[in-house]
Amino acid sequence: MSTPLFEVQRVRLGDPLTEPLVRELTHEYVTRYGPGGHAEMARYPAEEFAPPQGLLLLLLADGEPVAGGAYRRYDDTTAEIKRMWTHSAHRRRGLARRVLAELERAAAAGGYRRIHLTTGPRQPEAKQLYLAAGYTPLFDPDLDPPEFRPLPFEKHLTDRHPAGPSKGSAP
């Protein structure tokens, strides 16, 4: 079995390719947090994830979305990561880390110097991803998180150039 090549594609919320991301992420939020998961997915209008101040990208394998994420303007120098997703059939393969790195590169290229994000206390795998990717927790990671309080993280982007061009490649 050959390893699929991955293509990074920038899309807008509402593009048919985003349907699996929206559907699965909504289901995940509702499963973990109850009906408020629908409200979280509707919290920001699609325009907030559109250039020039925002971005939504998908990682495609053989033309099908397998992972994705977005950022929006948080303030003049800070992008806020939102909507991180990996298709349930493709987890534990480093795809979320790849999406996160692509978002960081794009945010830096767009003039942002810092990334801010939050994850929920019922998403320990997301917490581990952000810690492993060099994000600083803005909470005490050694304490049990409050039941419904978001867990904030930040990462300062450096002035160095992104680590190479974005190309389709094997993981």
Protein backbone atom coordinates (compact mmCIF):
# COMPACT_ATOMS: atom_id res chain seq x y z
CA MET A 1 0.00 0.00 0.00
CA SER A 2 1.48 3.36 -1.02
CA THR A 3 1.64 6.40 1.21
CA PRO A 4 -0.75 9.10 -0.03
CA LEU A 5 0.53 12.49 -1.08
CA PHE A 6 -1.06 15.36 0.78
CA GLU A 7 -2.06 18.62 -0.81
CA VAL A 8 -2.69 21.78 1.18
CA GLN A 9 -5.63 23.73 -0.19
CA ARG A 10 -6.93 27.11 0.93
CA VAL A 11 -10.71 27.24 0.92
CA ARG A 12 -13.55 29.35 2.23
CA LEU A 13 -16.06 28.17 4.79
CA GLY A 14 -19.05 26.98 2.79
CA ASP A 15 -16.92 25.37 0.07
CA PRO A 16 -18.21 21.80 -0.39
CA LEU A 17 -14.77 20.49 0.64
CA THR A 18 -15.31 21.92 4.14
CA GLU A 19 -18.45 19.83 4.75
CA PRO A 20 -16.64 16.90 6.45
CA LEU A 21 -14.74 19.30 8.72
CA VAL A 22 -17.88 21.15 9.79
CA ARG A 23 -19.94 17.97 10.20
CA GLU A 24 -17.37 15.98 12.19
CA LEU A 25 -16.21 18.92 14.29
CA THR A 26 -19.79 19.80 15.21
CA HIS A 27 -20.45 16.17 16.16
CA GLU A 28 -17.25 16.11 18.24
CA TYR A 29 -18.18 19.29 20.11
CA VAL A 30 -21.75 18.15 20.76
CA THR A 31 -20.56 14.71 21.92
CA ARG A 32 -18.03 16.21 24.33
CA TYR A 33 -19.81 19.38 25.47
CA GLY A 34 -23.51 18.93 24.76
CA PRO A 35 -25.83 21.14 22.68
CA GLY A 36 -23.51 24.14 23.16
CA GLY A 37 -21.29 22.53 20.51
CA HIS A 38 -23.64 23.85 17.84
CA ALA A 39 -23.28 27.37 19.22
CA GLU A 40 -19.48 27.11 19.14
CA MET A 41 -19.50 26.18 15.46
CA ALA A 42 -21.80 29.13 14.70
CA ARG A 43 -19.92 31.63 16.88
CA TYR A 44 -17.89 33.29 14.10
CA PRO A 45 -19.09 34.34 10.66
CA ALA A 46 -17.36 32.73 7.67
CA GLU A 47 -15.75 36.07 6.72
CA GLU A 48 -13.54 35.92 9.83
CA PHE A 49 -11.71 32.94 8.32
CA ALA A 50 -11.23 34.59 4.91
CA PRO A 51 -8.15 36.42 3.65
CA PRO A 52 -6.57 38.80 4.20
CA GLN A 53 -7.04 38.55 7.99
CA GLY A 54 -8.03 34.92 8.24
CA LEU A 55 -7.46 31.60 6.55
CA LEU A 56 -9.08 28.17 6.32
CA LEU A 57 -7.04 25.36 4.88
CA LEU A 58 -7.56 21.68 4.30
CA LEU A 59 -5.12 18.83 3.93
CA LEU A 60 -6.31 16.63 1.07
CA ALA A 61 -5.36 13.01 0.33
CA ASP A 62 -6.36 11.90 -3.14
CA GLY A 63 -8.60 14.97 -3.35
CA GLU A 64 -10.50 14.18 -0.14
CA PRO A 65 -10.23 16.32 3.02
CA VAL A 66 -8.49 14.47 5.85
CA ALA A 67 -7.54 17.36 8.15
CA GLY A 68 -7.98 21.10 8.39
CA GLY A 69 -7.87 24.20 10.48
CA ALA A 70 -8.30 27.92 10.37
CA TYR A 71 -7.22 31.16 11.92
CA ARG A 72 -8.88 34.53 12.37
CA ARG A 73 -7.61 37.92 13.43
CA TYR A 74 -7.41 38.14 17.22
CA ASP A 75 -5.71 41.55 17.30
CA ASP A 76 -3.29 43.51 15.11
CA THR A 77 -0.37 41.14 15.75
CA THR A 78 -2.13 37.94 16.80
CA ALA A 79 -3.93 35.22 14.86
CA GLU A 80 -6.32 32.90 16.69
CA ILE A 81 -6.33 29.25 15.64
CA LYS A 82 -9.81 27.74 15.35
CA ARG A 83 -11.49 24.70 13.81
CA MET A 84 -8.62 22.22 14.06
CA TRP A 85 -9.90 18.90 12.75
CA THR A 86 -8.65 15.51 11.61
CA HIS A 87 -11.02 13.05 9.95
CA SER A 88 -11.81 10.24 12.40
CA ALA A 89 -10.34 7.63 10.01
CA HIS A 90 -7.01 9.48 9.77
CA ARG A 91 -6.10 10.29 13.36
CA ARG A 92 -2.77 9.52 15.07
CA ARG A 93 -0.77 10.11 11.87
CA GLY A 94 0.62 13.60 12.54
CA LEU A 95 -1.86 15.34 10.24
CA ALA A 96 -3.05 17.85 12.86
CA ARG A 97 0.56 18.82 13.52
CA ARG A 98 1.04 19.33 9.78
CA VAL A 99 -2.05 21.54 9.57
CA LEU A 100 -0.91 23.52 12.61
CA ALA A 101 2.53 24.11 11.04
CA GLU A 102 0.90 25.26 7.78
CA LEU A 103 -1.34 27.68 9.71
CA GLU A 104 1.67 29.03 11.62
CA ARG A 105 3.60 29.60 8.38
CA ALA A 106 0.65 31.33 6.75
CA ALA A 107 0.02 33.53 9.80
CA ALA A 108 3.68 34.58 9.90
CA ALA A 109 3.61 35.32 6.17
CA GLY A 110 0.44 37.36 6.77
CA GLY A 111 2.24 39.58 9.29
CA TYR A 112 1.09 38.02 12.52
CA ARG A 113 3.74 37.67 15.25
CA ARG A 114 1.79 35.60 17.74
CA ILE A 115 -0.73 32.75 17.76
CA HIS A 116 -3.43 32.46 20.40
CA LEU A 117 -5.79 29.52 20.75
CA THR A 118 -8.04 27.78 23.20
CA THR A 119 -9.11 24.19 23.49
CA GLY A 120 -11.65 22.57 25.75
CA PRO A 121 -10.95 20.63 28.92
CA ARG A 122 -12.55 17.54 27.36
CA GLN A 123 -10.02 17.47 24.51
CA PRO A 124 -6.84 16.09 26.09
CA GLU A 125 -5.42 15.09 22.70
CA ALA A 126 -5.61 18.73 21.56
CA LYS A 127 -3.91 19.89 24.75
CA GLN A 128 -1.08 17.41 24.10
CA LEU A 129 -0.78 18.52 20.45
CA TYR A 130 -0.33 22.17 21.40
CA LEU A 131 2.16 21.39 24.16
CA ALA A 132 4.18 19.16 21.79
CA ALA A 133 4.10 21.90 19.12
CA GLY A 134 5.76 24.41 21.45
CA TYR A 135 2.72 26.37 22.62
CA THR A 136 2.88 27.96 26.05
CA PRO A 137 -0.11 27.12 28.25
CA LEU A 138 -1.67 30.19 29.84
CA PHE A 139 -2.93 27.99 32.68
CA ASP A 140 -1.30 25.47 35.02
CA PRO A 141 -1.10 22.26 32.94
CA ASP A 142 -0.42 20.20 36.07
CA LEU A 143 -3.84 20.94 37.56
CA ASP A 144 -7.07 19.32 36.48
CA PRO A 145 -8.84 21.84 34.24
CA PRO A 146 -12.16 23.34 35.31
CA GLU A 147 -15.04 21.45 33.71
CA PHE A 148 -16.08 23.99 31.07
CA ARG A 149 -13.35 26.63 31.11
CA PRO A 150 -11.31 26.94 27.89
CA LEU A 151 -7.61 26.17 28.07
CA PRO A 152 -5.68 29.07 26.45
CA PHE A 153 -2.30 28.74 24.73
CA GLU A 154 0.03 31.11 22.90
CA LYS A 155 3.05 30.85 20.67
CA HIS A 156 5.26 33.65 19.47
CA LEU A 157 6.17 33.36 15.82
CA THR A 158 9.76 34.14 14.97
CA ASP A 159 11.02 36.46 12.27
CA ARG A 160 12.74 33.60 10.47
CA HIS A 161 11.27 32.43 7.20
CA PRO A 162 8.83 29.52 7.26
CA ALA A 163 10.39 26.07 7.02
CA GLY A 164 10.16 25.72 3.26
CA PRO A 165 7.36 26.04 0.75
CA SER A 166 4.06 24.33 1.22
CA LYS A 167 3.99 21.33 -1.14
CA GLY A 168 2.13 18.08 -1.40
CA SER A 169 4.26 15.47 0.28
CA ALA A 170 4.12 12.31 2.26
CA PRO A 171 4.04 12.74 6.05
